Amino acid sequence: MIEVFTAEYSLICKIFEYKKPYICFMDGITMGFGIGLSGHGRYRLITEKTVLAMPENGIGLFPDVGFAYIAAKSPGEGAVGAYLGLTGNRVSTPADALYVGLGTHYVPSGSLAALKEDLLATTFSKDPDQDIKTLLERYNRNPESEPRLKLILPRIISTFGSKKSVKEVIEELENHQLSGDALVAEWAKDALQGLKKGAPFSLCFTDKYFSRVASARGNSNNVLSTLTGVMKTEYRIALRSSLRNDFSEGVRAVLVDKDQNPKWNPSSLEEVKTAEIEALFEPLGPEVEELNV
């Protein structure tokens, strides 16, 4: 796993810092490392076929690949990103993808081939970014609907943006399920279903971790305020999390046997120990080097 996480996380940092224009075509399912490859790029093209999600809590890991850094910049001072990270729920409309910040442009899928041809035929000036912006504006379209997440933003903020424990989040969602507003009730039901798929330890860790990254935003003295700092931290977390029983059990239940019935340890939120969560953040021992980026 050391080689895998080193390669993935180093590449993410290189994409983020890459000086040449980096254009991502997210024309379909874009999850997990797919978001790592695209979400930190300069130009992030989504289509009506784009489906975005970070469902790692459901396999006993955590939403990694720097998604916490993206989430911290999402609406509601990071509340929308925290909701997506904790529940693993999907973003499946162009309007929501743009609203969250995972996409920068909406280009209909049928126009991508022509856009690629125009890109390849372009003679770039000394300002290639301006050339690309001009070209993308020709293909960019406004979504046909309003972002659903924007319509329920106050509920998302009150539920996921108030530094509540996972247990408190669940209690608030259960109350929202009783709302007379059908949109809110449906959202709360979907969010609860997403949370129920996650390992209790992963949920508690994600809740704390995303809150820390969101709080660090704009504070240059905090290592979690930069993507490099986030990826170095996630490297420690990922190496340790991959050794936990939850990860092997989650992979077995979801990807191998596909019985969708993982036996998590700990099995409940109440059994999760704060000390074990904090231990994931600690520097690595002398036998394993830190991520060098």
Protein backbone atom coordinates (compact mmCIF):
# COMPACT_ATOMS: atom_id res chain seq x y z
CA MET A 1 0.00 0.00 0.00
CA ILE A 2 2.95 2.32 0.56
CA GLU A 3 3.75 2.32 -3.16
CA VAL A 4 0.11 2.91 -4.12
CA PHE A 5 -0.48 5.84 -1.79
CA THR A 6 2.92 7.37 -2.57
CA ALA A 7 2.23 7.30 -6.31
CA GLU A 8 -1.36 8.57 -6.00
CA TYR A 9 -0.73 11.37 -3.54
CA SER A 10 2.46 12.58 -5.22
CA LEU A 11 0.63 12.76 -8.55
CA ILE A 12 -2.22 14.77 -7.01
CA CYS A 13 0.27 17.35 -5.75
CA LYS A 14 1.92 17.53 -9.17
CA ILE A 15 -1.45 18.05 -10.89
CA PHE A 16 -2.34 20.85 -8.48
CA GLU A 17 0.98 22.63 -8.98
CA TYR A 18 1.33 21.92 -12.71
CA LYS A 19 2.16 25.14 -14.56
CA LYS A 20 0.83 24.05 -17.94
CA PRO A 21 -2.97 24.09 -18.45
CA TYR A 22 -4.50 20.85 -17.18
CA ILE A 23 -7.94 19.98 -18.57
CA CYS A 24 -10.09 17.20 -17.11
CA PHE A 25 -12.95 15.58 -19.02
CA MET A 26 -15.32 14.03 -16.46
CA ASP A 27 -17.81 12.47 -18.87
CA GLY A 28 -19.22 9.68 -16.70
CA ILE A 29 -18.57 8.09 -13.31
CA THR A 30 -15.83 9.99 -11.49
CA MET A 31 -15.29 8.63 -7.99
CA GLY A 32 -12.45 8.09 -5.54
CA PHE A 33 -9.11 8.53 -7.28
CA GLY A 34 -11.04 9.81 -10.31
CA ILE A 35 -11.78 12.90 -8.25
CA GLY A 36 -8.14 12.95 -7.17
CA LEU A 37 -7.07 13.13 -10.82
CA SER A 38 -9.67 15.70 -11.83
CA GLY A 39 -10.76 17.70 -8.80
CA HIS A 40 -7.41 19.45 -8.37
CA GLY A 41 -6.98 20.31 -12.05
CA ARG A 42 -7.31 23.84 -13.40
CA TYR A 43 -10.13 23.20 -15.88
CA ARG A 44 -12.71 20.65 -14.79
CA LEU A 45 -15.26 19.83 -17.48
CA ILE A 46 -18.46 18.09 -16.47
CA THR A 47 -21.29 16.84 -18.67
CA GLU A 48 -24.86 15.65 -18.16
CA LYS A 49 -23.39 12.14 -17.74
CA THR A 50 -21.03 13.09 -14.90
CA VAL A 51 -21.53 11.29 -11.58
CA LEU A 52 -19.27 12.34 -8.71
CA ALA A 53 -18.86 10.72 -5.29
CA MET A 54 -16.43 9.79 -2.53
CA PRO A 55 -17.88 6.56 -1.04
CA GLU A 56 -14.76 5.38 0.81
CA ASN A 57 -16.39 5.31 4.25
CA GLY A 58 -18.44 2.42 2.89
CA ILE A 59 -15.33 0.27 2.57
CA GLY A 60 -13.90 1.22 5.94
CA LEU A 61 -11.39 3.76 4.65
CA PHE A 62 -12.00 7.53 4.45
CA PRO A 63 -12.59 10.12 1.69
CA ASP A 64 -8.97 10.75 0.71
CA VAL A 65 -7.23 12.10 -2.45
CA GLY A 66 -7.40 15.61 -1.01
CA PHE A 67 -11.19 15.74 -1.10
CA ALA A 68 -11.18 17.39 2.33
CA TYR A 69 -9.27 20.29 0.75
CA ILE A 70 -11.90 20.61 -1.99
CA ALA A 71 -14.68 20.23 0.57
CA ALA A 72 -13.31 23.05 2.71
CA LYS A 73 -13.89 25.46 -0.17
CA SER A 74 -17.45 24.30 -0.81
CA PRO A 75 -20.56 26.36 0.06
CA GLY A 76 -21.54 26.79 3.68
CA GLU A 77 -17.89 27.17 4.77
CA GLY A 78 -17.31 23.53 3.89
CA ALA A 79 -20.65 22.13 5.05
CA VAL A 80 -21.65 20.86 1.60
CA GLY A 81 -18.31 19.08 1.19
CA ALA A 82 -18.58 17.56 4.67
CA TYR A 83 -22.04 16.25 3.78
CA LEU A 84 -20.70 14.62 0.60
CA GLY A 85 -17.66 13.19 2.36
CA LEU A 86 -19.59 11.70 5.26
CA THR A 87 -22.51 10.25 3.31
CA GLY A 88 -20.70 9.30 0.10
CA ASN A 89 -23.81 10.50 -1.74
CA ARG A 90 -23.59 11.25 -5.44
CA VAL A 91 -23.52 14.55 -7.28
CA SER A 92 -25.28 13.75 -10.53
CA THR A 93 -26.41 17.03 -12.08
CA PRO A 94 -24.26 19.66 -13.82
CA ALA A 95 -25.77 22.38 -11.64
CA ASP A 96 -24.73 20.67 -8.39
CA ALA A 97 -21.27 19.77 -9.72
CA LEU A 98 -20.60 23.41 -10.57
CA TYR A 99 -22.13 24.62 -7.29
CA VAL A 100 -19.93 22.35 -5.17
CA GLY A 101 -16.84 23.42 -7.11
CA LEU A 102 -15.98 20.01 -8.55
CA GLY A 103 -16.57 21.36 -12.03
CA THR A 104 -15.57 24.65 -13.66
CA HIS A 105 -17.43 24.29 -16.97
CA TYR A 106 -20.50 22.43 -18.19
CA VAL A 107 -20.03 21.06 -21.71
CA PRO A 108 -22.70 18.73 -23.15
CA SER A 109 -21.28 15.28 -23.77
CA GLY A 110 -22.05 15.45 -27.46
CA SER A 111 -19.81 18.50 -27.83
CA LEU A 112 -16.67 16.96 -26.31
CA ALA A 113 -15.35 15.47 -29.56
CA ALA A 114 -15.51 18.84 -31.31
CA LEU A 115 -13.92 20.55 -28.32
CA LYS A 116 -11.03 18.08 -28.34
CA GLU A 117 -10.51 18.65 -32.07
CA ASP A 118 -10.43 22.41 -31.54
CA LEU A 119 -7.96 22.04 -28.69
CA LEU A 120 -5.63 19.93 -30.82
CA ALA A 121 -5.92 22.41 -33.70
CA THR A 122 -5.22 25.45 -31.54
CA THR A 123 -1.98 27.34 -32.04
CA PHE A 124 -1.32 28.56 -28.55
CA SER A 125 -0.05 32.05 -27.83
CA LYS A 126 2.26 33.06 -25.01
CA ASP A 127 -0.82 32.98 -22.80
CA PRO A 128 -2.22 29.45 -23.29
CA ASP A 129 -4.59 29.82 -20.35
CA GLN A 130 -6.36 32.70 -22.05
CA ASP A 131 -6.54 30.69 -25.28
CA ILE A 132 -8.17 27.81 -23.42
CA LYS A 133 -10.58 30.06 -21.53
CA THR A 134 -11.69 31.63 -24.79
CA LEU A 135 -12.22 28.24 -26.39
CA LEU A 136 -14.08 26.81 -23.39
CA GLU A 137 -16.42 29.79 -23.33
CA ARG A 138 -17.61 28.76 -26.80
CA TYR A 139 -18.62 25.34 -25.53
CA ASN A 140 -19.67 26.22 -21.99
CA ARG A 141 -23.42 26.01 -21.28
CA ASN A 142 -25.60 26.97 -18.35
CA PRO A 143 -27.25 24.01 -16.58
CA GLU A 144 -30.96 23.62 -17.26
CA SER A 145 -31.85 23.45 -13.57
CA GLU A 146 -30.94 25.17 -10.32
CA PRO A 147 -28.55 23.33 -8.00
CA ARG A 148 -30.55 21.15 -5.63
CA LEU A 149 -27.88 21.50 -2.97
CA LYS A 150 -28.26 25.28 -3.04
CA LEU A 151 -31.99 24.99 -2.36
CA ILE A 152 -31.35 23.04 0.87
CA LEU A 153 -28.13 24.82 1.87
CA PRO A 154 -29.52 26.12 5.20
CA ARG A 155 -30.37 22.54 6.22
CA ILE A 156 -26.96 21.28 5.12
CA ILE A 157 -25.21 23.98 7.13
CA SER A 158 -27.26 23.37 10.27
CA THR A 159 -26.67 19.62 10.04
CA PHE A 160 -23.12 19.23 8.73
CA GLY A 161 -21.54 22.62 9.35
CA SER A 162 -21.90 23.04 13.09
CA LYS A 163 -19.14 20.73 14.33
CA LYS A 164 -21.72 18.21 15.48
CA SER A 165 -20.80 14.64 16.30
CA VAL A 166 -21.93 11.98 13.84
CA LYS A 167 -24.57 10.88 16.32
CA GLU A 168 -25.93 14.45 16.48
CA VAL A 169 -25.89 14.66 12.67
CA ILE A 170 -27.98 11.50 12.47
CA GLU A 171 -30.46 12.83 15.04
CA GLU A 172 -30.89 16.06 13.10
CA LEU A 173 -31.37 14.20 9.82
CA GLU A 174 -34.04 12.04 11.44
CA ASN A 175 -35.86 15.23 12.39
CA HIS A 176 -35.49 16.61 8.85
CA GLN A 177 -37.09 13.41 7.53
CA LEU A 178 -40.31 14.59 9.15
CA SER A 179 -40.19 17.94 7.33
CA GLY A 180 -43.25 19.05 5.41
CA ASP A 181 -40.87 20.16 2.65
CA ALA A 182 -40.60 17.12 0.37
CA LEU A 183 -37.18 18.19 -0.93
CA VAL A 184 -35.74 18.41 2.59
CA ALA A 185 -37.32 15.13 3.68
CA GLU A 186 -35.98 13.28 0.64
CA TRP A 187 -32.50 14.77 1.12
CA ALA A 188 -32.46 13.73 4.79
CA LYS A 189 -33.56 10.18 3.91
CA ASP A 190 -30.82 9.85 1.28
CA ALA A 191 -28.20 11.27 3.67
CA LEU A 192 -29.17 8.78 6.38
CA GLN A 193 -28.95 5.90 3.94
CA GLY A 194 -25.46 7.05 2.97
CA LEU A 195 -24.33 7.30 6.59
CA LYS A 196 -25.64 3.83 7.38
CA LYS A 197 -23.27 2.37 4.80
CA GLY A 198 -20.19 3.82 6.49
CA ALA A 199 -17.99 2.16 9.09
CA PRO A 200 -18.56 3.87 12.48
CA PHE A 201 -14.84 4.54 12.91
CA SER A 202 -14.53 5.98 9.39
CA LEU A 203 -17.53 8.25 9.96
CA CYS A 204 -16.18 9.62 13.24
CA PHE A 205 -12.75 10.15 11.74
CA THR A 206 -14.09 11.87 8.61
CA ASP A 207 -16.24 14.17 10.72
CA LYS A 208 -13.25 15.31 12.76
CA TYR A 209 -10.81 15.46 9.85
CA PHE A 210 -12.99 17.48 7.48
CA SER A 211 -13.78 19.92 10.29
CA ARG A 212 -10.07 20.44 10.90
CA VAL A 213 -9.28 21.09 7.24
CA ALA A 214 -12.20 23.51 6.93
CA SER A 215 -11.07 25.38 10.06
CA ALA A 216 -7.51 25.60 8.71
CA ARG A 217 -8.55 27.37 5.53
CA GLY A 218 -6.88 30.77 5.24
CA ASN A 219 -4.53 30.11 8.16
CA SER A 220 -1.05 29.88 6.63
CA ASN A 221 0.37 28.65 9.93
CA ASN A 222 -1.75 25.50 9.78
CA VAL A 223 -0.33 22.63 7.72
CA LEU A 224 -3.87 21.66 6.66
CA SER A 225 -4.36 25.01 4.90
CA THR A 226 -2.44 23.79 1.82
CA LEU A 227 -3.05 20.81 -0.43
CA THR A 228 0.53 19.64 0.10
CA GLY A 229 -0.01 19.65 3.85
CA VAL A 230 -3.30 17.83 3.45
CA MET A 231 -1.74 15.13 1.27
CA LYS A 232 1.16 14.62 3.68
CA THR A 233 -1.34 14.21 6.49
CA GLU A 234 -3.54 11.88 4.47
CA TYR A 235 -0.53 9.72 3.69
CA ARG A 236 -0.12 9.00 7.41
CA ILE A 237 -3.84 8.40 7.80
CA ALA A 238 -4.15 6.17 4.73
CA LEU A 239 -1.24 3.91 5.63
CA ARG A 240 -2.67 3.34 9.09
CA SER A 241 -6.29 3.07 7.97
CA SER A 242 -5.43 0.46 5.35
CA LEU A 243 -4.11 -1.78 8.12
CA ARG A 244 -7.34 -1.64 10.11
CA ASN A 245 -9.72 -4.59 9.94
CA ASP A 246 -12.49 -2.31 8.68
CA PHE A 247 -10.74 -1.78 5.36
CA SER A 248 -10.28 -5.47 4.52
CA GLU A 249 -13.80 -6.20 5.74
CA GLY A 250 -15.29 -3.36 3.73
CA VAL A 251 -13.53 -4.47 0.55
CA ARG A 252 -14.74 -8.02 1.16
CA ALA A 253 -18.36 -7.04 1.72
CA VAL A 254 -18.68 -4.42 -1.01
CA LEU A 255 -16.24 -5.48 -3.74
CA VAL A 256 -15.42 -9.18 -3.32
CA ASP A 257 -18.31 -11.17 -1.84
CA LYS A 258 -20.70 -8.27 -2.48
CA ASP A 259 -23.01 -9.32 0.36
CA GLN A 260 -23.19 -5.65 1.46
CA ASN A 261 -23.02 -6.82 5.07
CA PRO A 262 -19.69 -5.74 6.57
CA LYS A 263 -18.89 -6.56 10.19
CA TRP A 264 -17.34 -3.32 11.39
CA ASN A 265 -15.04 -3.10 14.40
CA PRO A 266 -15.98 -1.04 16.34
CA SER A 267 -19.56 -1.86 15.42
CA SER A 268 -21.19 1.32 16.74
CA LEU A 269 -20.47 5.04 17.01
CA GLU A 270 -20.46 4.80 20.79
CA GLU A 271 -17.56 2.33 20.71
CA VAL A 272 -15.25 4.59 18.66
CA LYS A 273 -12.36 5.85 20.79
CA THR A 274 -11.13 9.40 20.25
CA ALA A 275 -7.56 8.35 21.08
CA GLU A 276 -7.55 5.92 18.15
CA ILE A 277 -8.71 8.66 15.80
CA GLU A 278 -6.02 11.06 17.03
CA ALA A 279 -3.37 8.37 16.58
CA LEU A 280 -3.93 8.42 12.82
CA PHE A 281 -2.60 11.98 12.63
CA GLU A 282 0.68 11.25 14.41
CA PRO A 283 4.02 11.35 12.52
CA LEU A 284 5.11 8.04 11.05
CA GLY A 285 7.72 5.98 12.83
CA PRO A 286 11.37 5.71 11.75
CA GLU A 287 10.66 2.56 9.72
CA VAL A 288 8.36 4.43 7.27
CA GLU A 289 9.25 7.70 5.58
CA GLU A 290 6.82 10.61 5.38
CA LEU A 291 5.40 11.56 1.97
CA ASN A 292 8.04 13.59 0.15
CA VAL A 293 6.27 16.22 -1.96
